[in-house]
Amino acid sequence: MLLVGFATFGSIGFSQSLTALLWMAIILCSLIGIIRREPVFDSTLNHWDEAAAYGALLALAIIFNSIAAA
């Protein structure tokens, strides 16, 4: 919800702001996962799972952007 709130007030538009914020969240979660040396396929949730979830949200945002542009 925090990313949606920041994207709402973005100067480049909601959809572009949201996709940029989701990319930054994916990169940040991946870097934290690398720094903490978390296993990718672990039995507990970690930063890699969070990065995958943000990636799925990014894919949905891109699909909705292409539908809205058509």
C-alpha atoms as a PDB file:
ATOM      1  CA  MET A   1       0.000   0.000   0.000  1.00  0.00           C
ATOM      2  CA  LEU A   2       2.959   2.277   0.624  1.00  0.00           C
ATOM      3  CA  LEU A   3       4.149   1.929  -2.966  1.00  0.00           C
ATOM      4  CA  VAL A   4       0.658   2.694  -4.275  1.00  0.00           C
ATOM      5  CA  GLY A   5       0.523   5.782  -2.056  1.00  0.00           C
ATOM      6  CA  PHE A   6       3.842   7.076  -3.375  1.00  0.00           C
ATOM      7  CA  ALA A   7       2.866   6.258  -6.966  1.00  0.00           C
ATOM      8  CA  THR A   8      -0.357   8.236  -6.571  1.00  0.00           C
ATOM      9  CA  PHE A   9       1.579  11.436  -6.001  1.00  0.00           C
ATOM     10  CA  GLY A  10       4.224  10.764  -8.663  1.00  0.00           C
ATOM     11  CA  SER A  11       4.777  13.510 -11.223  1.00  0.00           C
ATOM     12  CA  ILE A  12       5.161  11.095 -14.175  1.00  0.00           C
ATOM     13  CA  GLY A  13       1.800   9.378 -13.753  1.00  0.00           C
ATOM     14  CA  PHE A  14       0.537   6.559 -11.588  1.00  0.00           C
ATOM     15  CA  SER A  15       1.372   3.620 -13.841  1.00  0.00           C
ATOM     16  CA  GLN A  16       4.930   4.695 -14.621  1.00  0.00           C
ATOM     17  CA  SER A  17       5.576   5.616 -10.988  1.00  0.00           C
ATOM     18  CA  LEU A  18       4.256   2.262  -9.783  1.00  0.00           C
ATOM     19  CA  THR A  19       6.379   0.277 -12.236  1.00  0.00           C
ATOM     20  CA  ALA A  20       9.501   2.250 -11.264  1.00  0.00           C
ATOM     21  CA  LEU A  21       8.820   1.715  -7.556  1.00  0.00           C
ATOM     22  CA  LEU A  22       8.211  -2.006  -8.071  1.00  0.00           C
ATOM     23  CA  TRP A  23      11.518  -2.297  -9.967  1.00  0.00           C
ATOM     24  CA  MET A  24      13.300  -0.552  -7.102  1.00  0.00           C
ATOM     25  CA  ALA A  25      11.636  -2.872  -4.570  1.00  0.00           C
ATOM     26  CA  ILE A  26      12.735  -5.946  -6.541  1.00  0.00           C
ATOM     27  CA  ILE A  27      16.322  -4.707  -6.719  1.00  0.00           C
ATOM     28  CA  LEU A  28      16.393  -3.773  -3.023  1.00  0.00           C
ATOM     29  CA  CYS A  29      14.986  -7.140  -1.887  1.00  0.00           C
ATOM     30  CA  SER A  30      17.436  -8.997  -4.117  1.00  0.00           C
ATOM     31  CA  LEU A  31      20.393  -7.029  -2.781  1.00  0.00           C
ATOM     32  CA  ILE A  32      19.347  -7.653   0.813  1.00  0.00           C
ATOM     33  CA  GLY A  33      18.963 -11.350   0.027  1.00  0.00           C
ATOM     34  CA  ILE A  34      22.468 -11.415  -1.419  1.00  0.00           C
ATOM     35  CA  ILE A  35      24.003  -9.480   1.465  1.00  0.00           C
ATOM     36  CA  ARG A  36      22.362 -11.696   4.096  1.00  0.00           C
ATOM     37  CA  ARG A  37      23.203 -14.815   2.058  1.00  0.00           C
ATOM     38  CA  GLU A  38      19.664 -16.114   2.304  1.00  0.00           C
ATOM     39  CA  PRO A  39      18.944 -19.363   0.463  1.00  0.00           C
ATOM     40  CA  VAL A  40      16.703 -18.929  -2.557  1.00  0.00           C
ATOM     41  CA  PHE A  41      14.441 -21.948  -1.995  1.00  0.00           C
ATOM     42  CA  ASP A  42      14.099 -22.041   1.787  1.00  0.00           C
ATOM     43  CA  SER A  43      11.257 -23.414   3.889  1.00  0.00           C
ATOM     44  CA  THR A  44      10.627 -19.981   5.460  1.00  0.00           C
ATOM     45  CA  LEU A  45       9.829 -16.732   3.707  1.00  0.00           C
ATOM     46  CA  ASN A  46      12.766 -14.435   3.051  1.00  0.00           C
ATOM     47  CA  HIS A  47      13.730 -11.496   0.851  1.00  0.00           C
ATOM     48  CA  TRP A  48      13.891 -13.669  -2.266  1.00  0.00           C
ATOM     49  CA  ASP A  49      10.211 -14.535  -1.858  1.00  0.00           C
ATOM     50  CA  GLU A  50       9.395 -10.866  -1.408  1.00  0.00           C
ATOM     51  CA  ALA A  51      11.309 -10.011  -4.590  1.00  0.00           C
ATOM     52  CA  ALA A  52       9.339 -12.693  -6.460  1.00  0.00           C
ATOM     53  CA  ALA A  53       6.059 -11.268  -5.165  1.00  0.00           C
ATOM     54  CA  TYR A  54       7.050  -7.770  -6.306  1.00  0.00           C
ATOM     55  CA  GLY A  55       7.987  -9.273  -9.665  1.00  0.00           C
ATOM     56  CA  ALA A  56       4.512 -10.771 -10.003  1.00  0.00           C
ATOM     57  CA  LEU A  57       2.958  -7.408  -9.138  1.00  0.00           C
ATOM     58  CA  LEU A  58       5.210  -5.748 -11.718  1.00  0.00           C
ATOM     59  CA  ALA A  59       4.068  -8.226 -14.375  1.00  0.00           C
ATOM     60  CA  LEU A  60       0.429  -7.433 -13.552  1.00  0.00           C
ATOM     61  CA  ALA A  61       1.109  -3.697 -13.697  1.00  0.00           C
ATOM     62  CA  ILE A  62       2.756  -4.051 -17.107  1.00  0.00           C
ATOM     63  CA  ILE A  63      -0.183  -6.105 -18.400  1.00  0.00           C
ATOM     64  CA  PHE A  64      -2.691  -3.527 -17.142  1.00  0.00           C
ATOM     65  CA  ASN A  65      -0.634  -0.702 -18.680  1.00  0.00           C
ATOM     66  CA  SER A  66      -0.660  -2.396 -22.075  1.00  0.00           C
ATOM     67  CA  ILE A  67      -4.415  -3.015 -21.864  1.00  0.00           C
ATOM     68  CA  ALA A  68      -5.078   0.610 -20.885  1.00  0.00           C
ATOM     69  CA  ALA A  69      -2.868   1.911 -23.707  1.00  0.00           C
ATOM     70  CA  ALA A  70      -4.752  -0.084 -26.348  1.00  0.00           C
END
